[in-house]
PDB file of N, CA and C in Angstrom:
ATOM      1  N   UNK A   1     -25.539  -8.270   3.459  1.00  0.00           N
ATOM      2  CA  UNK A   1     -25.264  -8.809   2.504  1.00  0.00           C
ATOM      3  C   UNK A   1     -26.129  -9.529   1.909  1.00  0.00           C
ATOM      4  N   UNK A   2     -26.563  -9.275   0.452  1.00  0.00           N
ATOM      5  CA  UNK A   2     -27.386 -10.521  -0.175  1.00  0.00           C
ATOM      6  C   UNK A   2     -27.137 -11.625  -0.359  1.00  0.00           C
ATOM      7  N   UNK A   3     -27.617 -12.438  -1.149  1.00  0.00           N
ATOM      8  CA  UNK A   3     -27.277 -13.946  -1.224  1.00  0.00           C
ATOM      9  C   UNK A   3     -26.570 -13.947  -2.654  1.00  0.00           C
ATOM     10  N   UNK A   4     -26.934 -13.124  -3.235  1.00  0.00           N
ATOM     11  CA  UNK A   4     -26.533 -13.148  -4.817  1.00  0.00           C
ATOM     12  C   UNK A   4     -24.809 -12.061  -4.639  1.00  0.00           C
ATOM     13  N   UNK A   5     -24.524 -11.282  -3.811  1.00  0.00           N
ATOM     14  CA  UNK A   5     -23.367 -10.695  -3.308  1.00  0.00           C
ATOM     15  C   UNK A   5     -22.639 -11.572  -2.671  1.00  0.00           C
ATOM     16  N   UNK A   6     -22.863 -12.427  -1.975  1.00  0.00           N
ATOM     17  CA  UNK A   6     -22.225 -13.272  -1.262  1.00  0.00           C
ATOM     18  C   UNK A   6     -21.662 -14.065  -1.966  1.00  0.00           C
ATOM     19  N   UNK A   7     -22.568 -14.898  -3.240  1.00  0.00           N
ATOM     20  CA  UNK A   7     -22.128 -15.835  -4.158  1.00  0.00           C
ATOM     21  C   UNK A   7     -21.244 -15.225  -5.257  1.00  0.00           C
ATOM     22  N   UNK A   8     -21.565 -14.197  -5.413  1.00  0.00           N
ATOM     23  CA  UNK A   8     -19.986 -13.435  -6.269  1.00  0.00           C
ATOM     24  C   UNK A   8     -19.143 -13.351  -5.837  1.00  0.00           C
ATOM     25  N   UNK A   9     -19.261 -13.120  -4.300  1.00  0.00           N
ATOM     26  CA  UNK A   9     -17.968 -12.805  -3.906  1.00  0.00           C
ATOM     27  C   UNK A   9     -17.076 -14.212  -3.729  1.00  0.00           C
ATOM     28  N   UNK A  10     -18.087 -15.352  -3.431  1.00  0.00           N
ATOM     29  CA  UNK A  10     -17.204 -16.812  -2.943  1.00  0.00           C
ATOM     30  C   UNK A  10     -16.565 -16.940  -4.700  1.00  0.00           C
ATOM     31  N   UNK A  11     -17.060 -16.317  -5.459  1.00  0.00           N
ATOM     32  CA  UNK A  11     -16.702 -17.103  -6.657  1.00  0.00           C
ATOM     33  C   UNK A  11     -15.691 -16.459  -7.444  1.00  0.00           C
ATOM     34  N   UNK A  12     -15.683 -15.007  -6.867  1.00  0.00           N
ATOM     35  CA  UNK A  12     -14.273 -14.266  -7.279  1.00  0.00           C
ATOM     36  C   UNK A  12     -13.258 -14.773  -6.571  1.00  0.00           C
ATOM     37  N   UNK A  13     -13.149 -15.777  -5.551  1.00  0.00           N
ATOM     38  CA  UNK A  13     -11.824 -15.922  -5.119  1.00  0.00           C
ATOM     39  C   UNK A  13     -11.356 -17.440  -5.849  1.00  0.00           C
ATOM     40  N   UNK A  14     -12.065 -18.042  -6.564  1.00  0.00           N
ATOM     41  CA  UNK A  14     -11.712 -19.279  -7.244  1.00  0.00           C
ATOM     42  C   UNK A  14     -11.262 -18.788  -8.627  1.00  0.00           C
ATOM     43  N   UNK A  15     -10.371 -19.485  -9.623  1.00  0.00           N
ATOM     44  CA  UNK A  15     -10.446 -19.588 -10.832  1.00  0.00           C
ATOM     45  C   UNK A  15     -11.991 -19.818 -11.591  1.00  0.00           C
ATOM     46  N   UNK A  16     -12.252 -19.176 -12.139  1.00  0.00           N
ATOM     47  CA  UNK A  16     -13.507 -19.652 -13.080  1.00  0.00           C
ATOM     48  C   UNK A  16     -13.234 -20.133 -14.176  1.00  0.00           C
ATOM     49  N   UNK A  17     -14.222 -20.002 -15.110  1.00  0.00           N
ATOM     50  CA  UNK A  17     -14.296 -20.625 -16.511  1.00  0.00           C
ATOM     51  C   UNK A  17     -13.583 -19.217 -17.563  1.00  0.00           C
ATOM     52  N   UNK A  18     -12.474 -19.837 -18.180  1.00  0.00           N
ATOM     53  CA  UNK A  18     -11.852 -19.355 -19.073  1.00  0.00           C
ATOM     54  C   UNK A  18     -10.422 -18.230 -18.124  1.00  0.00           C
ATOM     55  N   UNK A  19     -10.341 -18.454 -17.232  1.00  0.00           N
ATOM     56  CA  UNK A  19      -9.368 -17.646 -16.011  1.00  0.00           C
ATOM     57  C   UNK A  19      -7.841 -18.477 -16.125  1.00  0.00           C
ATOM     58  N   UNK A  20      -6.831 -17.805 -15.858  1.00  0.00           N
ATOM     59  CA  UNK A  20      -5.469 -18.489 -15.712  1.00  0.00           C
ATOM     60  C   UNK A  20      -5.868 -18.366 -14.142  1.00  0.00           C
ATOM     61  N   UNK A  21      -5.323 -19.749 -13.633  1.00  0.00           N
ATOM     62  CA  UNK A  21      -5.455 -19.921 -12.209  1.00  0.00           C
ATOM     63  C   UNK A  21      -4.208 -19.391 -11.773  1.00  0.00           C
ATOM     64  N   UNK A  22      -3.133 -19.144 -12.352  1.00  0.00           N
ATOM     65  CA  UNK A  22      -2.072 -18.749 -11.860  1.00  0.00           C
ATOM     66  C   UNK A  22      -2.373 -17.379 -11.544  1.00  0.00           C
ATOM     67  N   UNK A  23      -2.751 -16.556 -11.907  1.00  0.00           N
ATOM     68  CA  UNK A  23      -3.531 -15.095 -11.652  1.00  0.00           C
ATOM     69  C   UNK A  23      -3.678 -15.030 -10.273  1.00  0.00           C
ATOM     70  N   UNK A  24      -4.080 -16.053  -9.841  1.00  0.00           N
ATOM     71  CA  UNK A  24      -4.947 -15.736  -8.677  1.00  0.00           C
ATOM     72  C   UNK A  24      -4.096 -16.112  -7.269  1.00  0.00           C
ATOM     73  N   UNK A  25      -2.781 -16.479  -7.586  1.00  0.00           N
ATOM     74  CA  UNK A  25      -2.145 -16.972  -6.258  1.00  0.00           C
ATOM     75  C   UNK A  25      -1.541 -15.457  -5.428  1.00  0.00           C
ATOM     76  N   UNK A  26      -1.476 -15.892  -4.620  1.00  0.00           N
ATOM     77  CA  UNK A  26      -0.864 -14.593  -3.651  1.00  0.00           C
ATOM     78  C   UNK A  26       0.339 -14.651  -3.667  1.00  0.00           C
ATOM     79  N   UNK A  27       0.968 -12.977  -3.704  1.00  0.00           N
ATOM     80  CA  UNK A  27       2.395 -12.930  -3.983  1.00  0.00           C
ATOM     81  C   UNK A  27       2.791 -13.350  -2.863  1.00  0.00           C
ATOM     82  N   UNK A  28       4.040 -13.728  -2.672  1.00  0.00           N
ATOM     83  CA  UNK A  28       4.904 -13.428  -1.450  1.00  0.00           C
ATOM     84  C   UNK A  28       5.170 -12.247  -0.803  1.00  0.00           C
ATOM     85  N   UNK A  29       4.745 -11.862   0.248  1.00  0.00           N
ATOM     86  CA  UNK A  29       5.281 -10.328   0.470  1.00  0.00           C
ATOM     87  C   UNK A  29       6.557 -10.343   0.814  1.00  0.00           C
ATOM     88  N   UNK A  30       7.557  -9.416   0.528  1.00  0.00           N
ATOM     89  CA  UNK A  30       8.688  -8.936   0.979  1.00  0.00           C
ATOM     90  C   UNK A  30       8.967  -7.404   1.068  1.00  0.00           C
ATOM     91  N   UNK A  31       9.866  -7.233   1.982  1.00  0.00           N
ATOM     92  CA  UNK A  31      10.522  -6.021   2.231  1.00  0.00           C
ATOM     93  C   UNK A  31      10.468  -5.148   1.277  1.00  0.00           C
ATOM     94  N   UNK A  32      10.728  -3.852   1.124  1.00  0.00           N
ATOM     95  CA  UNK A  32      11.027  -3.195   0.333  1.00  0.00           C
ATOM     96  C   UNK A  32      12.834  -2.730   0.847  1.00  0.00           C
ATOM     97  N   UNK A  33      13.490  -1.913  -0.092  1.00  0.00           N
ATOM     98  CA  UNK A  33      14.704  -1.716   0.438  1.00  0.00           C
ATOM     99  C   UNK A  33      14.895  -0.548   1.403  1.00  0.00           C
ATOM    100  N   UNK A  34      13.980   0.032   1.619  1.00  0.00           N
ATOM    101  CA  UNK A  34      13.833   1.223   2.640  1.00  0.00           C
ATOM    102  C   UNK A  34      13.158   0.545   4.101  1.00  0.00           C
ATOM    103  N   UNK A  35      12.468  -0.703   3.898  1.00  0.00           N
ATOM    104  CA  UNK A  35      12.221  -1.186   5.328  1.00  0.00           C
ATOM    105  C   UNK A  35      12.982  -2.182   5.596  1.00  0.00           C
ATOM    106  N   UNK A  36      13.840  -2.572   4.417  1.00  0.00           N
ATOM    107  CA  UNK A  36      15.079  -3.340   5.036  1.00  0.00           C
ATOM    108  C   UNK A  36      16.140  -2.759   5.712  1.00  0.00           C
ATOM    109  N   UNK A  37      16.077  -1.582   5.351  1.00  0.00           N
ATOM    110  CA  UNK A  37      17.252  -0.403   5.725  1.00  0.00           C
ATOM    111  C   UNK A  37      16.966  -0.147   7.351  1.00  0.00           C
ATOM    112  N   UNK A  38      15.728   0.369   7.377  1.00  0.00           N
ATOM    113  CA  UNK A  38      15.084   0.747   8.981  1.00  0.00           C
ATOM    114  C   UNK A  38      15.141  -0.530  10.027  1.00  0.00           C
ATOM    115  N   UNK A  39      14.967  -1.641   9.358  1.00  0.00           N
ATOM    116  CA  UNK A  39      14.896  -2.710  10.333  1.00  0.00           C
ATOM    117  C   UNK A  39      16.479  -2.921  10.669  1.00  0.00           C
ATOM    118  N   UNK A  40      17.058  -2.979   9.577  1.00  0.00           N
ATOM    119  CA  UNK A  40      18.384  -3.079   9.883  1.00  0.00           C
ATOM    120  C   UNK A  40      19.011  -2.025  10.987  1.00  0.00           C
ATOM    121  N   UNK A  41      18.983  -1.006  10.757  1.00  0.00           N
ATOM    122  CA  UNK A  41      19.422   0.504  11.789  1.00  0.00           C
ATOM    123  C   UNK A  41      18.776   0.238  12.968  1.00  0.00           C
ATOM    124  N   UNK A  42      17.345  -0.373  13.399  1.00  0.00           N
ATOM    125  CA  UNK A  42      17.030  -0.643  14.216  1.00  0.00           C
ATOM    126  C   UNK A  42      17.333  -1.832  15.024  1.00  0.00           C
ATOM    127  N   UNK A  43      17.914  -3.021  14.547  1.00  0.00           N
ATOM    128  CA  UNK A  43      18.653  -3.945  14.973  1.00  0.00           C
ATOM    129  C   UNK A  43      20.105  -3.610  15.343  1.00  0.00           C
ATOM    130  N   UNK A  44      20.539  -2.794  14.755  1.00  0.00           N
ATOM    131  CA  UNK A  44      22.090  -2.403  15.266  1.00  0.00           C
ATOM    132  C   UNK A  44      22.047  -1.595  16.243  1.00  0.00           C
ATOM    133  N   UNK A  45      20.626  -0.512  16.405  1.00  0.00           N
ATOM    134  CA  UNK A  45      20.840   0.163  17.885  1.00  0.00           C
ATOM    135  C   UNK A  45      20.239  -0.516  19.265  1.00  0.00           C
ATOM    136  N   UNK A  46      19.563  -1.988  18.713  1.00  0.00           N
ATOM    137  CA  UNK A  46      19.287  -2.969  19.803  1.00  0.00           C
ATOM    138  C   UNK A  46      20.532  -3.609  20.204  1.00  0.00           C
ATOM    139  N   UNK A  47      21.310  -3.907  19.386  1.00  0.00           N
ATOM    140  CA  UNK A  47      22.531  -4.644  19.383  1.00  0.00           C
ATOM    141  C   UNK A  47      23.500  -3.770  20.269  1.00  0.00           C
ATOM    142  N   UNK A  48      23.461  -2.535  19.713  1.00  0.00           N
ATOM    143  CA  UNK A  48      24.335  -1.513  20.544  1.00  0.00           C
ATOM    144  C   UNK A  48      24.122  -1.527  22.187  1.00  0.00           C
ATOM    145  N   UNK A  49      22.809  -1.230  22.289  1.00  0.00           N
ATOM    146  CA  UNK A  49      22.204  -1.081  23.603  1.00  0.00           C
ATOM    147  C   UNK A  49      22.268  -2.139  24.377  1.00  0.00           C
ATOM    148  N   UNK A  50      22.417  -3.462  23.917  1.00  0.00           N
ATOM    149  CA  UNK A  50      22.870  -4.493  24.627  1.00  0.00           C
ATOM    150  C   UNK A  50      24.228  -4.705  25.183  1.00  0.00           C
ATOM    151  N   UNK A  51      25.195  -4.453  23.846  1.00  0.00           N
ATOM    152  CA  UNK A  51      26.926  -4.241  24.186  1.00  0.00           C
ATOM    153  C   UNK A  51      27.031  -3.020  25.235  1.00  0.00           C
ATOM    154  N   UNK A  52      26.061  -2.108  25.467  1.00  0.00           N
ATOM    155  CA  UNK A  52      26.754  -0.766  26.250  1.00  0.00           C
ATOM    156  C   UNK A  52      26.206  -1.551  27.902  1.00  0.00           C
ATOM    157  N   UNK A  53      24.814  -2.074  27.713  1.00  0.00           N
ATOM    158  CA  UNK A  53      24.333  -2.575  28.902  1.00  0.00           C
ATOM    159  C   UNK A  53      25.349  -3.530  29.667  1.00  0.00           C
ATOM    160  N   UNK A  54      26.104  -4.284  28.658  1.00  0.00           N
ATOM    161  CA  UNK A  54      26.889  -5.816  29.289  1.00  0.00           C
ATOM    162  C   UNK A  54      28.213  -4.873  29.663  1.00  0.00           C
ATOM    163  N   UNK A  55      28.695  -4.200  28.896  1.00  0.00           N
ATOM    164  CA  UNK A  55      29.915  -3.078  29.515  1.00  0.00           C
ATOM    165  C   UNK A  55      29.774  -2.433  30.618  1.00  0.00           C
ATOM    166  N   UNK A  56      28.539  -1.870  30.947  1.00  0.00           N
ATOM    167  CA  UNK A  56      28.271  -0.844  32.194  1.00  0.00           C
ATOM    168  C   UNK A  56      28.302  -1.911  32.999  1.00  0.00           C
ATOM    169  N   UNK A  57      27.753  -3.351  33.161  1.00  0.00           N
ATOM    170  CA  UNK A  57      27.729  -4.446  34.180  1.00  0.00           C
ATOM    171  C   UNK A  57      29.354  -4.957  34.609  1.00  0.00           C
ATOM    172  N   UNK A  58      30.002  -5.010  33.747  1.00  0.00           N
ATOM    173  CA  UNK A  58      30.959  -5.573  33.586  1.00  0.00           C
ATOM    174  C   UNK A  58      31.897  -4.371  34.366  1.00  0.00           C
ATOM    175  N   UNK A  59      31.943  -3.239  34.358  1.00  0.00           N
ATOM    176  CA  UNK A  59      32.450  -2.082  34.979  1.00  0.00           C
ATOM    177  C   UNK A  59      32.172  -1.968  36.060  1.00  0.00           C
ATOM    178  N   UNK A  60      30.747  -1.993  36.600  1.00  0.00           N
ATOM    179  CA  UNK A  60      30.315  -2.012  38.003  1.00  0.00           C
ATOM    180  C   UNK A  60      31.041  -3.124  38.680  1.00  0.00           C
ATOM    181  N   UNK A  61      31.137  -4.258  37.968  1.00  0.00           N
ATOM    182  CA  UNK A  61      31.977  -5.368  38.711  1.00  0.00           C
ATOM    183  C   UNK A  61      33.081  -5.123  39.157  1.00  0.00           C
ATOM    184  N   UNK A  62      33.778  -4.433  37.799  1.00  0.00           N
ATOM    185  CA  UNK A  62      35.087  -4.105  38.149  1.00  0.00           C
ATOM    186  C   UNK A  62      35.626  -2.968  39.244  1.00  0.00           C
ATOM    187  N   UNK A  63      34.672  -2.090  39.145  1.00  0.00           N
ATOM    188  CA  UNK A  63      34.577  -1.387  40.344  1.00  0.00           C
ATOM    189  C   UNK A  63      34.472  -1.974  42.042  1.00  0.00           C
ATOM    190  N   UNK A  64      33.557  -3.027  42.219  1.00  0.00           N
ATOM    191  CA  UNK A  64      33.652  -3.889  43.180  1.00  0.00           C
ATOM    192  C   UNK A  64      34.570  -4.295  43.683  1.00  0.00           C
ATOM    193  N   UNK A  65      35.285  -5.124  42.265  1.00  0.00           N
ATOM    194  CA  UNK A  65      36.132  -5.966  42.796  1.00  0.00           C
ATOM    195  C   UNK A  65      37.848  -5.116  43.133  1.00  0.00           C
ATOM    196  N   UNK A  66      37.730  -3.493  42.553  1.00  0.00           N
ATOM    197  CA  UNK A  66      38.747  -3.054  42.727  1.00  0.00           C
ATOM    198  C   UNK A  66      38.687  -2.643  44.200  1.00  0.00           C
ATOM    199  N   UNK A  67      37.460  -2.362  44.760  1.00  0.00           N
ATOM    200  CA  UNK A  67      37.313  -1.759  46.226  1.00  0.00           C
ATOM    201  C   UNK A  67      37.360  -3.085  47.094  1.00  0.00           C
ATOM    202  N   UNK A  68      37.059  -4.055  46.597  1.00  0.00           N
ATOM    203  CA  UNK A  68      37.378  -5.355  47.653  1.00  0.00           C
ATOM    204  C   UNK A  68      38.465  -5.626  47.560  1.00  0.00           C
ATOM    205  N   UNK A  69      39.503  -5.289  46.836  1.00  0.00           N
ATOM    206  CA  UNK A  69      40.818  -5.453  46.576  1.00  0.00           C
ATOM    207  C   UNK A  69      41.862  -4.832  47.518  1.00  0.00           C
ATOM    208  N   UNK A  70      41.470  -3.230  47.447  1.00  0.00           N
ATOM    209  CA  UNK A  70      42.121  -2.831  48.279  1.00  0.00           C
ATOM    210  C   UNK A  70      41.644  -2.553  49.643  1.00  0.00           C
ATOM    211  N   UNK A  71      40.476  -3.206  50.040  1.00  0.00           N
ATOM    212  CA  UNK A  71      40.344  -3.439  51.426  1.00  0.00           C
ATOM    213  C   UNK A  71      41.186  -4.942  51.761  1.00  0.00           C
ATOM    214  N   UNK A  72      41.590  -5.701  51.080  1.00  0.00           N
ATOM    215  CA  UNK A  72      42.075  -6.929  51.107  1.00  0.00           C
ATOM    216  C   UNK A  72      43.636  -6.378  51.576  1.00  0.00           C
ATOM    217  N   UNK A  73      43.884  -5.875  50.504  1.00  0.00           N
ATOM    218  CA  UNK A  73      45.473  -5.218  50.776  1.00  0.00           C
ATOM    219  C   UNK A  73      45.631  -4.560  51.995  1.00  0.00           C
ATOM    220  N   UNK A  74      44.418  -3.531  52.746  1.00  0.00           N
ATOM    221  CA  UNK A  74      44.677  -2.923  53.375  1.00  0.00           C
ATOM    222  C   UNK A  74      44.420  -3.871  54.769  1.00  0.00           C
ATOM    223  N   UNK A  75      43.518  -4.836  54.793  1.00  0.00           N
ATOM    224  CA  UNK A  75      43.721  -5.825  55.931  1.00  0.00           C
ATOM    225  C   UNK A  75      44.760  -6.419  56.013  1.00  0.00           C
ATOM    226  N   UNK A  76      45.656  -6.993  55.140  1.00  0.00           N
ATOM    227  CA  UNK A  76      46.862  -7.690  55.214  1.00  0.00           C
ATOM    228  C   UNK A  76      48.038  -6.699  55.551  1.00  0.00           C
ATOM    229  N   UNK A  77      48.097  -5.202  55.489  1.00  0.00           N
ATOM    230  CA  UNK A  77      49.176  -5.036  55.940  1.00  0.00           C
ATOM    231  C   UNK A  77      48.650  -4.607  57.449  1.00  0.00           C
ATOM    232  N   UNK A  78      47.688  -4.556  57.643  1.00  0.00           N
ATOM    233  CA  UNK A  78      47.377  -4.397  59.044  1.00  0.00           C
ATOM    234  C   UNK A  78      47.266  -5.727  59.976  1.00  0.00           C
ATOM    235  N   UNK A  79      47.075  -6.892  59.181  1.00  0.00           N
ATOM    236  CA  UNK A  79      47.552  -7.604  60.272  1.00  0.00           C
ATOM    237  C   UNK A  79      48.876  -8.075  60.356  1.00  0.00           C
ATOM    238  N   UNK A  80      49.977  -7.365  59.312  1.00  0.00           N
ATOM    239  CA  UNK A  80      51.500  -7.796  59.242  1.00  0.00           C
ATOM    240  C   UNK A  80      51.970  -6.679  60.562  1.00  0.00           C
ATOM    241  N   UNK A  81      51.415  -5.712  60.648  1.00  0.00           N
ATOM    242  CA  UNK A  81      51.586  -4.636  61.546  1.00  0.00           C
ATOM    243  C   UNK A  81      51.139  -5.199  62.867  1.00  0.00           C
ATOM    244  N   UNK A  82      49.995  -5.820  63.187  1.00  0.00           N
ATOM    245  CA  UNK A  82      49.689  -6.643  64.442  1.00  0.00           C
ATOM    246  C   UNK A  82      50.511  -8.064  64.773  1.00  0.00           C
ATOM    247  N   UNK A  83      51.172  -8.411  63.813  1.00  0.00           N
ATOM    248  CA  UNK A  83      52.280  -9.459  64.168  1.00  0.00           C
ATOM    249  C   UNK A  83      53.002  -9.086  64.674  1.00  0.00           C
ATOM    250  N   UNK A  84      53.790  -7.885  64.057  1.00  0.00           N
ATOM    251  CA  UNK A  84      55.223  -7.387  64.473  1.00  0.00           C
ATOM    252  C   UNK A  84      54.762  -7.012  65.855  1.00  0.00           C
ATOM    253  N   UNK A  85      53.811  -6.071  66.341  1.00  0.00           N
ATOM    254  CA  UNK A  85      53.292  -5.575  67.748  1.00  0.00           C
ATOM    255  C   UNK A  85      53.257  -6.869  68.440  1.00  0.00           C
ATOM    256  N   UNK A  86      52.780  -7.875  68.171  1.00  0.00           N
ATOM    257  CA  UNK A  86      52.620  -9.248  69.195  1.00  0.00           C
ATOM    258  C   UNK A  86      53.908  -9.424  69.044  1.00  0.00           C
ATOM    259  N   UNK A  87      54.587  -9.751  68.234  1.00  0.00           N
ATOM    260  CA  UNK A  87      55.898 -10.555  68.748  1.00  0.00           C
ATOM    261  C   UNK A  87      56.663  -9.394  69.493  1.00  0.00           C
ATOM    262  N   UNK A  88      56.851  -8.015  69.231  1.00  0.00           N
ATOM    263  CA  UNK A  88      57.581  -7.182  70.340  1.00  0.00           C
ATOM    264  C   UNK A  88      56.747  -7.328  71.871  1.00  0.00           C
ATOM    265  N   UNK A  89      56.022  -7.702  71.531  1.00  0.00           N
ATOM    266  CA  UNK A  89      55.096  -7.580  73.268  1.00  0.00           C
ATOM    267  C   UNK A  89      55.668  -8.691  73.815  1.00  0.00           C
ATOM    268  N   UNK A  90      55.434  -9.834  72.930  1.00  0.00           N
ATOM    269  CA  UNK A  90      55.826 -11.131  73.542  1.00  0.00           C
ATOM    270  C   UNK A  90      57.210 -11.456  73.652  1.00  0.00           C
ATOM    271  N   UNK A  91      58.139 -10.335  73.010  1.00  0.00           N
ATOM    272  CA  UNK A  91      59.692 -10.539  73.474  1.00  0.00           C
ATOM    273  C   UNK A  91      59.964  -9.878  74.556  1.00  0.00           C
ATOM    274  N   UNK A  92      59.400  -8.668  74.892  1.00  0.00           N
ATOM    275  CA  UNK A  92      59.251  -8.026  76.419  1.00  0.00           C
ATOM    276  C   UNK A  92      59.110  -9.060  77.399  1.00  0.00           C
ATOM    277  N   UNK A  93      57.758  -9.676  77.554  1.00  0.00           N
ATOM    278  CA  UNK A  93      57.578 -10.229  78.735  1.00  0.00           C
ATOM    279  C   UNK A  93      58.531 -11.726  78.495  1.00  0.00           C
ATOM    280  N   UNK A  94      58.948 -12.163  77.183  1.00  0.00           N
ATOM    281  CA  UNK A  94      59.628 -13.648  77.576  1.00  0.00           C
ATOM    282  C   UNK A  94      61.306 -12.887  78.192  1.00  0.00           C
ATOM    283  N   UNK A  95      61.625 -11.840  77.705  1.00  0.00           N
ATOM    284  CA  UNK A  95      62.769 -11.441  78.187  1.00  0.00           C
ATOM    285  C   UNK A  95      63.040 -11.021  79.658  1.00  0.00           C
ATOM    286  N   UNK A  96      61.447 -10.521  80.363  1.00  0.00           N
ATOM    287  CA  UNK A  96      61.551 -10.398  81.886  1.00  0.00           C
ATOM    288  C   UNK A  96      61.280 -12.126  82.231  1.00  0.00           C
ATOM    289  N   UNK A  97      61.042 -12.873  81.846  1.00  0.00           N
ATOM    290  CA  UNK A  97      60.846 -13.917  82.499  1.00  0.00           C
ATOM    291  C   UNK A  97      61.728 -14.891  82.559  1.00  0.00           C
ATOM    292  N   UNK A  98      62.667 -14.617  81.690  1.00  0.00           N
ATOM    293  CA  UNK A  98      63.849 -15.468  81.302  1.00  0.00           C
ATOM    294  C   UNK A  98      64.956 -15.681  82.710  1.00  0.00           C
ATOM    295  N   UNK A  99      65.525 -16.779  82.431  1.00  0.00           N
ATOM    296  CA  UNK A  99      66.438 -17.048  83.761  1.00  0.00           C
ATOM    297  C   UNK A  99      67.578 -16.052  83.678  1.00  0.00           C
ATOM    298  N   UNK A 100      68.186 -15.522  82.964  1.00  0.00           N
ATOM    299  CA  UNK A 100      69.169 -14.613  82.949  1.00  0.00           C
ATOM    300  C   UNK A 100      68.516 -13.142  83.459  1.00  0.00           C
ATOM    301  N   UNK A 101      67.391 -12.961  82.832  1.00  0.00           N
ATOM    302  CA  UNK A 101      66.970 -11.430  83.527  1.00  0.00           C
ATOM    303  C   UNK A 101      66.821 -11.857  84.808  1.00  0.00           C
ATOM    304  N   UNK A 102      66.203 -12.805  85.413  1.00  0.00           N
ATOM    305  CA  UNK A 102      65.706 -12.911  86.825  1.00  0.00           C
ATOM    306  C   UNK A 102      67.131 -13.021  87.760  1.00  0.00           C
ATOM    307  N   UNK A 103      68.513 -13.412  87.180  1.00  0.00           N
ATOM    308  CA  UNK A 103      69.750 -13.505  88.164  1.00  0.00           C
ATOM    309  C   UNK A 103      70.532 -12.126  87.954  1.00  0.00           C
ATOM    310  N   UNK A 104      69.891 -11.341  87.258  1.00  0.00           N
ATOM    311  CA  UNK A 104      70.779  -9.802  87.127  1.00  0.00           C
ATOM    312  C   UNK A 104      69.831  -8.996  88.414  1.00  0.00           C
ATOM    313  N   UNK A 105      70.995  -8.528  88.529  1.00  0.00           N
ATOM    314  CA  UNK A 105      70.756  -7.616  89.810  1.00  0.00           C
ATOM    315  C   UNK A 105      70.255  -5.857  89.324  1.00  0.00           C
ATOM    316  N   UNK A 106      69.398  -5.713  89.914  1.00  0.00           N
ATOM    317  CA  UNK A 106      69.251  -4.058  89.706  1.00  0.00           C
ATOM    318  C   UNK A 106      70.012  -3.387  90.197  1.00  0.00           C
ATOM    319  N   UNK A 107      70.161  -2.027  89.244  1.00  0.00           N
ATOM    320  CA  UNK A 107      71.824  -1.214  89.754  1.00  0.00           C
ATOM    321  C   UNK A 107      70.517   0.042  90.141  1.00  0.00           C
ATOM    322  N   UNK A 108      71.139   0.359  91.290  1.00  0.00           N
ATOM    323  CA  UNK A 108      70.633   1.322  91.824  1.00  0.00           C
ATOM    324  C   UNK A 108      71.857   2.571  91.568  1.00  0.00           C
ATOM    325  N   UNK A 109      71.851   4.044  91.602  1.00  0.00           N
ATOM    326  CA  UNK A 109      72.606   4.750  91.518  1.00  0.00           C
ATOM    327  C   UNK A 109      73.431   5.018  93.024  1.00  0.00           C
ATOM    328  N   UNK A 110      74.414   5.204  93.048  1.00  0.00           N
ATOM    329  CA  UNK A 110      75.292   5.302  94.543  1.00  0.00           C
ATOM    330  C   UNK A 110      75.846   6.735  94.565  1.00  0.00           C
ATOM    331  N   UNK A 111      76.171   7.205  93.351  1.00  0.00           N
ATOM    332  CA  UNK A 111      76.312   8.926  93.847  1.00  0.00           C
ATOM    333  C   UNK A 111      75.679   9.888  92.503  1.00  0.00           C
ATOM    334  N   UNK A 112      76.015  10.913  92.747  1.00  0.00           N
ATOM    335  CA  UNK A 112      75.518  11.718  91.615  1.00  0.00           C
ATOM    336  C   UNK A 112      77.311  12.469  91.195  1.00  0.00           C
ATOM    337  N   UNK A 113      77.192  12.592  90.229  1.00  0.00           N
ATOM    338  CA  UNK A 113      78.489  13.197  89.360  1.00  0.00           C
ATOM    339  C   UNK A 113      77.840  15.015  89.184  1.00  0.00           C
ATOM    340  N   UNK A 114      78.528  15.848  89.704  1.00  0.00           N
ATOM    341  CA  UNK A 114      78.403  17.294  89.526  1.00  0.00           C
ATOM    342  C   UNK A 114      79.675  17.933  88.917  1.00  0.00           C
ATOM    343  N   UNK A 115      79.482  18.546  87.780  1.00  0.00           N
ATOM    344  CA  UNK A 115      80.478  19.049  87.101  1.00  0.00           C
ATOM    345  C   UNK A 115      81.170  20.537  87.585  1.00  0.00           C
TER     346      UNK A 115
END
């Protein structure tokens, strides 16, 4: 680039003599209607993907929660069964060790009945 072309280039950026300085202002860049539509569609797709990812996470937590609740119910019923079985075992041993049971006489068959 020569000195004269660089000087001419620098002069063209500013308003010179007998020129309207308003015409040299940069216009505000805006998007057109097609660009706005495309941007809105892309944003709607991103928002939809975000929503779907959150719903999927919620469903995954729901499945985990449901399986844990089923396991809890199973353990509660098993605990109740074991409590009943424990009470039965304790009642047999209590009955055998009670004073009334110890005072009883064992019954032995004295004879058999034949028809």
